[in-house]
Protein backbone atom coordinates (compact mmCIF):
# COMPACT_ATOMS: atom_id res chain seq x y z
CA MET A 1 104.36 108.66 33.57
CA PRO A 2 106.49 111.20 31.59
CA PHE A 3 106.41 112.28 27.98
CA GLU A 4 109.60 112.87 26.09
CA ILE A 5 110.53 113.92 22.62
CA ILE A 6 113.66 112.28 20.97
CA ARG A 7 115.31 112.26 17.42
CA HIS A 8 115.63 108.42 16.83
CA ASP A 9 114.73 105.65 14.54
CA ILE A 10 111.41 104.26 15.92
CA THR A 11 112.26 100.74 14.92
CA LYS A 12 115.30 100.85 17.32
CA MET A 13 113.40 102.01 20.36
CA ALA A 14 113.79 99.91 23.51
CA VAL A 15 110.24 100.17 24.72
CA ASP A 16 107.27 97.81 25.45
CA ALA A 17 105.30 98.87 22.30
CA ILE A 18 105.71 101.13 19.23
CA VAL A 19 102.86 102.62 17.23
CA ASN A 20 102.65 101.91 13.50
CA THR A 21 100.95 104.28 11.36
CA ALA A 22 99.26 101.39 9.42
CA ASN A 23 97.44 101.26 6.26
CA PRO A 24 93.67 100.45 6.70
CA HIS A 25 94.03 97.35 4.63
CA PRO A 26 96.60 94.40 5.59
CA VAL A 27 99.24 95.68 3.20
CA VAL A 28 102.68 97.42 3.86
CA GLY A 29 102.41 101.12 3.32
CA ALA A 30 105.02 103.85 3.03
CA GLY A 31 107.08 105.75 5.51
CA THR A 32 106.93 104.48 9.06
CA ASP A 33 104.74 101.54 8.13
CA SER A 34 107.33 100.32 5.61
CA ALA A 35 110.27 100.82 7.95
CA ILE A 36 108.63 99.00 10.82
CA HIS A 37 107.64 95.94 8.58
CA LYS A 38 111.15 95.81 7.21
CA ALA A 39 112.68 95.79 10.60
CA ALA A 40 110.20 93.24 11.97
CA GLY A 41 110.56 90.75 9.15
CA PRO A 42 107.77 88.82 7.26
CA GLY A 43 106.01 87.49 10.36
CA LEU A 44 104.59 91.04 11.08
CA LEU A 45 102.73 91.13 7.93
CA ALA A 46 101.38 87.57 8.30
CA ALA A 47 100.08 88.68 11.67
CA ARG A 48 98.56 91.94 10.25
CA GLU A 49 96.72 89.99 7.64
CA LYS A 50 95.11 87.88 10.31
CA ILE A 51 93.65 91.07 11.70
CA GLY A 52 92.18 92.29 8.28
CA ASP A 53 91.08 95.79 7.75
CA ILE A 54 91.21 98.46 10.52
CA MET A 55 89.05 101.51 10.43
CA PRO A 56 90.49 104.97 10.91
CA GLY A 57 90.70 106.06 14.55
CA HIS A 58 91.19 102.21 15.69
CA SER A 59 94.28 100.31 16.85
CA ALA A 60 95.13 96.56 16.95
CA ALA A 61 98.15 94.81 18.44
CA THR A 62 100.38 92.18 17.18
CA LYS A 63 103.66 90.59 18.39
CA ALA A 64 106.80 92.52 17.26
CA TYR A 65 108.92 89.62 15.88
CA ASP A 66 112.39 90.85 14.98
CA LEU A 67 111.88 94.22 16.65
CA GLN A 68 113.21 94.76 20.18
CA VAL A 69 109.77 95.61 21.58
CA LYS A 70 107.00 93.42 22.86
CA TYR A 71 104.11 94.75 20.59
CA VAL A 72 103.42 96.83 17.52
CA LEU A 73 100.18 98.73 17.69
CA HIS A 74 98.81 99.07 14.19
CA THR A 75 96.98 102.38 14.28
CA VAL A 76 95.07 103.86 11.40
CA SER A 77 95.06 107.63 11.19
CA PRO A 78 92.56 109.58 8.90
CA ALA A 79 93.92 111.13 5.58
CA TRP A 80 93.53 114.78 5.49
CA ARG A 81 90.93 116.15 2.96
CA ASP A 82 89.85 119.60 3.94
CA GLY A 83 89.27 119.51 7.75
CA GLN A 84 85.54 118.99 7.35
CA HIS A 85 85.40 115.28 7.35
CA ARG A 86 86.02 114.51 11.05
CA GLU A 87 89.85 114.45 10.59
CA LEU A 88 90.71 115.98 13.83
CA GLU A 89 88.20 113.79 15.75
CA LEU A 90 89.44 110.72 13.96
CA LEU A 91 93.08 111.48 14.66
CA ARG A 92 92.31 112.08 18.33
CA MET A 93 90.47 108.65 18.35
CA ALA A 94 93.57 106.95 16.86
CA TYR A 95 95.83 108.33 19.69
CA ASP A 96 93.35 107.41 22.31
CA ALA A 97 92.81 103.89 20.86
CA ALA A 98 96.60 103.26 20.78
CA LEU A 99 97.22 104.56 24.30
CA ASP A 100 94.24 102.62 25.71
CA LEU A 101 95.49 99.42 23.95
CA ALA A 102 98.99 99.89 25.32
CA GLY A 103 97.36 100.22 28.83
CA LYS A 104 95.36 97.14 28.33
CA LEU A 105 98.57 95.27 27.37
CA ARG A 106 100.27 96.68 30.64
CA CYS A 107 102.84 98.52 28.76
CA ARG A 108 105.11 100.72 30.81
CA SER A 109 106.44 102.70 27.78
CA VAL A 110 105.17 103.39 24.22
CA ALA A 111 106.61 105.20 21.20
CA PHE A 112 104.71 107.10 18.79
CA PRO A 113 105.62 108.78 15.47
CA LEU A 114 103.79 111.98 14.72
CA MET A 115 100.77 110.24 13.11
CA ALA A 116 99.13 111.47 10.00
CA ALA A 117 101.70 114.24 9.46
CA GLY A 118 103.53 112.38 6.56
CA SER A 119 101.99 110.69 3.56
CA TYR A 120 98.39 111.18 5.01
CA GLY A 121 98.63 114.92 4.48
CA PHE A 122 97.67 116.29 7.89
CA PRO A 123 98.86 119.91 8.51
CA GLN A 124 101.82 119.34 10.78
CA GLU A 125 100.64 121.98 13.45
CA GLN A 126 97.23 120.43 13.83
CA ALA A 127 98.70 116.86 13.86
CA LEU A 128 100.98 117.85 16.69
CA SER A 129 98.26 119.69 18.57
CA VAL A 130 96.20 116.57 18.56
CA ALA A 131 99.07 114.48 19.92
CA ILE A 132 99.93 116.94 22.70
CA HIS A 133 96.40 117.01 23.91
CA ALA A 134 95.99 113.22 23.64
CA PHE A 135 99.25 112.62 25.62
CA THR A 136 98.38 115.40 28.16
CA ASP A 137 94.95 113.86 28.97
CA PHE A 138 96.25 110.29 29.24
CA LEU A 139 98.98 111.13 31.51
CA LEU A 140 96.76 112.66 34.09
CA THR A 141 95.31 109.29 35.05
CA HIS A 142 97.99 106.79 33.83
CA ASP A 143 101.65 106.01 34.68
CA MET A 144 103.37 105.32 31.23
CA MET A 145 106.37 106.51 29.59
CA ILE A 146 105.40 108.16 26.23
CA TYR A 147 107.96 108.93 23.60
CA LEU A 148 107.29 111.10 20.45
CA VAL A 149 109.87 109.89 18.17
CA ILE A 150 111.11 112.20 15.31
CA TYR A 151 113.29 110.34 12.73
CA ASN A 152 116.90 111.12 13.04
CA GLY A 153 117.44 112.67 9.66
CA GLU A 154 114.37 114.96 9.81
CA ALA A 155 115.70 118.47 10.22
CA PHE A 156 112.62 120.51 10.31
CA SER A 157 110.72 122.55 12.82
CA LEU A 158 108.45 120.04 14.70
CA ALA A 159 105.94 122.57 15.67
CA GLY A 160 106.09 124.72 12.38
CA SER A 161 104.48 128.12 13.03
CA LEU A 162 102.54 126.85 16.19
CA PHE A 163 104.93 128.80 18.61
CA ASP A 164 105.81 132.01 16.36
CA ASP A 165 104.55 134.14 19.29
CA LEU A 166 106.90 132.38 21.65
CA LYS A 167 109.89 133.04 19.46
CA SER A 168 108.97 136.64 19.29
CA TYR A 169 108.62 136.75 23.00
CA ILE A 170 112.17 135.25 23.55
CA ASP A 171 113.55 137.75 20.92
CA ASP A 172 112.04 140.65 22.75
CA ASN A 173 113.01 139.56 26.33
CA TYR A 174 116.17 137.56 26.03
CA VAL A 175 119.08 139.29 27.83
CA SER A 176 122.18 137.66 26.34
CA GLN A 177 125.37 136.98 28.31
CA HIS A 178 127.00 138.70 25.25
CA THR A 179 125.19 141.95 25.73
CA PRO A 180 127.41 145.08 25.59
CA ASN A 181 130.49 144.99 28.04
CA TYR A 182 129.84 147.75 30.67
CA ALA A 183 133.10 146.98 32.72
CA PRO A 184 135.02 149.99 31.15
CA ARG A 185 132.25 152.42 32.09
CA ARG A 186 131.87 150.93 35.57
CA ARG A 187 135.69 151.30 36.03
CA ARG A 188 135.47 154.99 35.08
CA GLU A 189 132.64 155.44 37.51
CA LEU A 190 134.56 153.88 40.31
CA GLU A 191 137.77 155.96 39.52
CA GLU A 192 135.68 159.12 39.63
CA MET A 193 134.21 158.02 43.13
CA TYR A 194 137.71 157.56 44.41
CA GLU A 195 138.90 160.88 43.15
CA LEU A 196 135.90 162.53 44.91
CA ALA A 197 136.58 160.61 48.03
CA ASP A 198 140.27 161.73 47.94
CA SER A 199 139.28 165.44 47.63
CA VAL A 200 136.74 165.15 50.49
CA SER A 201 139.38 163.41 52.52
CA ALA A 202 142.00 166.13 51.97
CA ALA A 203 139.59 168.87 52.97
CA LEU A 204 138.89 167.18 56.44
CA PRO A 205 140.90 168.04 59.56
CA PRO A 206 143.68 165.55 60.48
CA SER A 207 141.74 164.30 63.57
CA ARG A 208 139.00 162.95 61.39
CA PRO A 209 140.77 160.43 59.04
CA LEU A 210 138.96 158.87 56.22
CA PHE A 211 139.47 155.56 54.35
CA GLY A 212 141.89 154.22 56.88
CA THR A 213 144.36 157.24 57.16
CA GLY A 214 145.66 158.33 60.49
CA ALA A 215 145.79 156.34 63.65
CA ALA A 216 144.38 152.75 63.53
CA PRO A 217 140.89 152.45 65.03
CA ALA A 218 140.60 150.83 68.42
CA GLU A 219 139.93 147.09 68.47
CA PRO A 220 136.22 146.25 69.09
CA LYS A 221 135.55 144.60 72.25
CA ALA A 222 135.24 140.81 72.09
CA ALA A 223 131.67 139.75 71.94
CA LYS A 224 130.43 137.29 74.68
CA SER A 225 130.34 133.85 73.06
CA ALA A 226 127.14 133.03 74.79
CA GLY A 227 125.63 136.19 73.34
CA SER A 228 126.79 135.33 69.88
CA VAL A 229 125.33 131.85 70.00
CA GLY A 230 122.04 133.40 71.17
CA ASP A 231 122.06 135.90 68.52
CA LEU A 232 122.55 133.26 65.78
CA GLU A 233 119.87 130.99 67.22
CA ALA A 234 117.43 133.93 67.33
CA PHE A 235 118.47 134.67 63.57
CA LEU A 236 117.76 131.11 62.55
CA ARG A 237 114.53 131.21 64.12
CA GLN A 238 113.54 133.97 61.67
CA ARG A 239 114.22 131.78 58.52
CA GLU A 240 111.69 131.44 55.95
CA SER A 241 109.77 128.04 55.06
CA THR A 242 111.65 125.53 53.13
CA PHE A 243 110.53 124.28 49.66
CA SER A 244 108.73 121.31 51.09
CA GLU A 245 106.88 123.34 53.77
CA TYR A 246 105.92 126.02 51.27
CA LEU A 247 104.68 123.29 48.91
CA LEU A 248 102.59 121.78 51.64
CA ASP A 249 101.11 125.17 52.36
CA LEU A 250 100.18 125.66 48.67
CA LEU A 251 98.46 122.15 48.62
CA LYS A 252 96.45 123.03 51.70
CA GLU A 253 95.48 126.41 50.27
CA ARG A 254 94.34 125.16 47.03
CA GLY A 255 92.68 122.02 48.30
CA VAL A 256 94.09 119.77 45.62
CA LYS A 257 94.79 115.99 45.92
CA ASP A 258 98.42 114.93 45.93
CA SER A 259 97.71 112.42 42.99
CA ASP A 260 96.39 115.10 40.86
CA VAL A 261 99.44 117.28 41.49
CA TYR A 262 101.99 114.69 40.84
CA HIS A 263 100.26 113.42 37.66
CA ARG A 264 100.09 116.89 36.28
CA ALA A 265 103.74 117.65 37.28
CA GLN A 266 104.64 114.21 35.67
CA VAL A 267 106.87 113.30 38.56
CA SER A 268 106.56 109.83 40.24
CA ARG A 269 104.56 109.25 43.31
CA GLN A 270 107.77 108.22 45.10
CA LEU A 271 109.55 111.56 44.35
CA PHE A 272 106.56 113.50 45.36
CA ASN A 273 106.36 111.76 48.71
CA LYS A 274 110.06 112.31 49.25
CA ILE A 275 109.64 116.07 48.62
CA ILE A 276 106.74 116.64 50.98
CA ASN A 277 108.00 114.30 53.79
CA LYS A 278 111.47 115.51 53.97
CA LYS A 279 111.41 119.14 55.29
CA ASN A 280 114.82 120.06 53.77
CA TYR A 281 114.62 118.02 50.53
CA GLN A 282 116.20 120.11 47.57
CA PRO A 283 114.45 119.36 44.26
CA THR A 284 116.18 119.96 40.80
CA LYS A 285 115.00 123.21 39.18
CA SER A 286 113.08 121.14 36.53
CA THR A 287 111.04 119.40 39.32
CA ALA A 288 110.31 122.65 41.11
CA ILE A 289 109.17 124.11 37.71
CA GLN A 290 107.00 121.08 36.99
CA LEU A 291 105.31 121.42 40.45
CA ALA A 292 104.60 125.08 39.85
CA LEU A 293 103.02 124.12 36.53
CA ALA A 294 100.86 121.38 38.12
CA LEU A 295 99.60 123.99 40.71
CA GLU A 296 99.02 126.49 38.02
CA LEU A 297 100.81 129.25 39.80
CA ASP A 298 101.28 132.69 38.25
CA LEU A 299 104.76 134.11 37.60
CA ASN A 300 105.19 135.78 40.95
CA GLN A 301 104.01 132.54 42.85
CA THR A 302 106.24 130.38 40.59
CA GLN A 303 109.29 132.66 41.41
CA LYS A 304 108.52 132.38 45.06
CA LEU A 305 108.26 128.56 45.01
CA LEU A 306 111.45 128.25 43.00
CA GLY A 307 113.23 130.76 45.28
CA LYS A 308 112.55 128.28 48.19
CA ALA A 309 114.78 125.82 46.46
CA GLY A 310 117.31 128.41 45.41
CA TYR A 311 116.33 128.91 41.99
CA ALA A 312 114.68 131.59 39.79
CA LEU A 313 113.45 132.21 36.24
CA THR A 314 115.80 134.63 34.46
CA ARG A 315 115.71 136.49 31.21
CA SER A 316 119.23 135.31 30.52
CA SER A 317 118.10 131.73 29.99
CA LYS A 318 116.01 130.98 26.75
CA ALA A 319 114.56 127.87 28.45
CA ASP A 320 113.41 130.15 31.46
CA LEU A 321 111.85 132.45 29.04
CA VAL A 322 109.77 129.63 27.38
CA ILE A 323 108.50 128.71 30.83
CA GLN A 324 107.59 132.37 31.72
CA TYR A 325 105.87 132.64 28.26
CA PHE A 326 103.55 129.76 28.83
CA ILE A 327 102.73 130.77 32.56
CA SER A 328 101.85 134.16 31.33
CA LYS A 329 99.50 132.60 28.81
CA LYS A 330 98.11 130.40 31.59
CA THR A 331 99.17 127.32 29.64
CA TYR A 332 100.41 124.68 32.01
CA SER A 333 100.65 121.58 29.78
CA ILE A 334 104.12 119.94 30.24
CA PRO A 335 103.98 118.05 26.90
CA GLU A 336 103.06 121.33 25.11
CA ILE A 337 105.98 123.15 26.81
CA ASN A 338 108.38 120.43 26.10
CA VAL A 339 107.46 120.50 22.54
CA ALA A 340 108.04 124.16 22.31
CA LEU A 341 111.46 123.68 24.21
CA PHE A 342 112.35 120.86 21.67
CA ASP A 343 111.42 123.12 18.69
CA CYS A 344 113.72 125.85 20.17
CA GLY A 345 116.61 123.46 20.66
CA LEU A 346 116.56 123.79 24.44
CA PRO A 347 116.75 121.26 27.22
CA LEU A 348 113.37 119.72 28.03
CA LEU A 349 111.81 119.53 31.45
CA LYS A 350 112.97 116.25 33.01
CA THR A 351 109.67 114.45 33.59
CA GLY A 352 109.63 111.08 35.29
CA THR A 353 111.46 110.06 38.32
CA GLY A 354 114.28 112.79 38.41
CA ALA A 355 115.18 114.55 41.72
């Protein structure tokens, strides 16, 4: 079900299938294609030769041979020319073909490189955008772990200029924990308050002590224990709804199906059922945010939902600011948000079966 971005060598991924950016003809190409054939051994090329040519936008499967996966999905991307020759459409077809093939092979997990962004010359931002939309749409109706694998040695901005507005938003709104220290000023303010209080106290008659001077106040009468218990019970009856109760109210108010929500939130059905069936269930902050995104809540509604679990989106957390930015733009795609978090070097939303 979830989507995750990692820096790794795709040939060492422990998944059911890896996607190879294959040459249209049964030969070993450059980049990822070359690395996968080298790791798999000569049997992979022999199997690829039996398939023959593969048209751009299509995918075919073989065994993985010496790789630690079950299948290699040989998927042909279009080469970039000028953007006027169906390049975006064919790239989306390639992603869809690989995902559909992984589904037919009953794969529970699949690892993709960023297709077409290397030797095929696709502009990186456009290649990434196509991948994000393909993963987002697929995960709405399928339970599969999708990895976007960035090679370990690649130290570049994954999103390029795609999220320049986001970075400006963070710069404008971030309140660092290293902002100027106001403690000395606060200390001076308190000292001035104490001096004022002392002068007022000195001007009062002795029979009206201030700040504990003079005779000790009389001990308050002991409260009746029964009354205290009753007051506590009355207070507890005034409590607000729990996270689970409020979530159920939102589901009813919006008339959405449970399955739509947990798919959009990229949490498991088991976790979702646990949350809505246990009145006092305490989700993680990431899960609470993912559910808010799935319900397409605005910022105020998101803060209220998070507050039910004891959390908040703050300006002192850059990760929180990323979430606030996308909600303010009415963009609720978790894969897109995770790409932005990854590009900013921040922790990703923990999709999958987390608490």
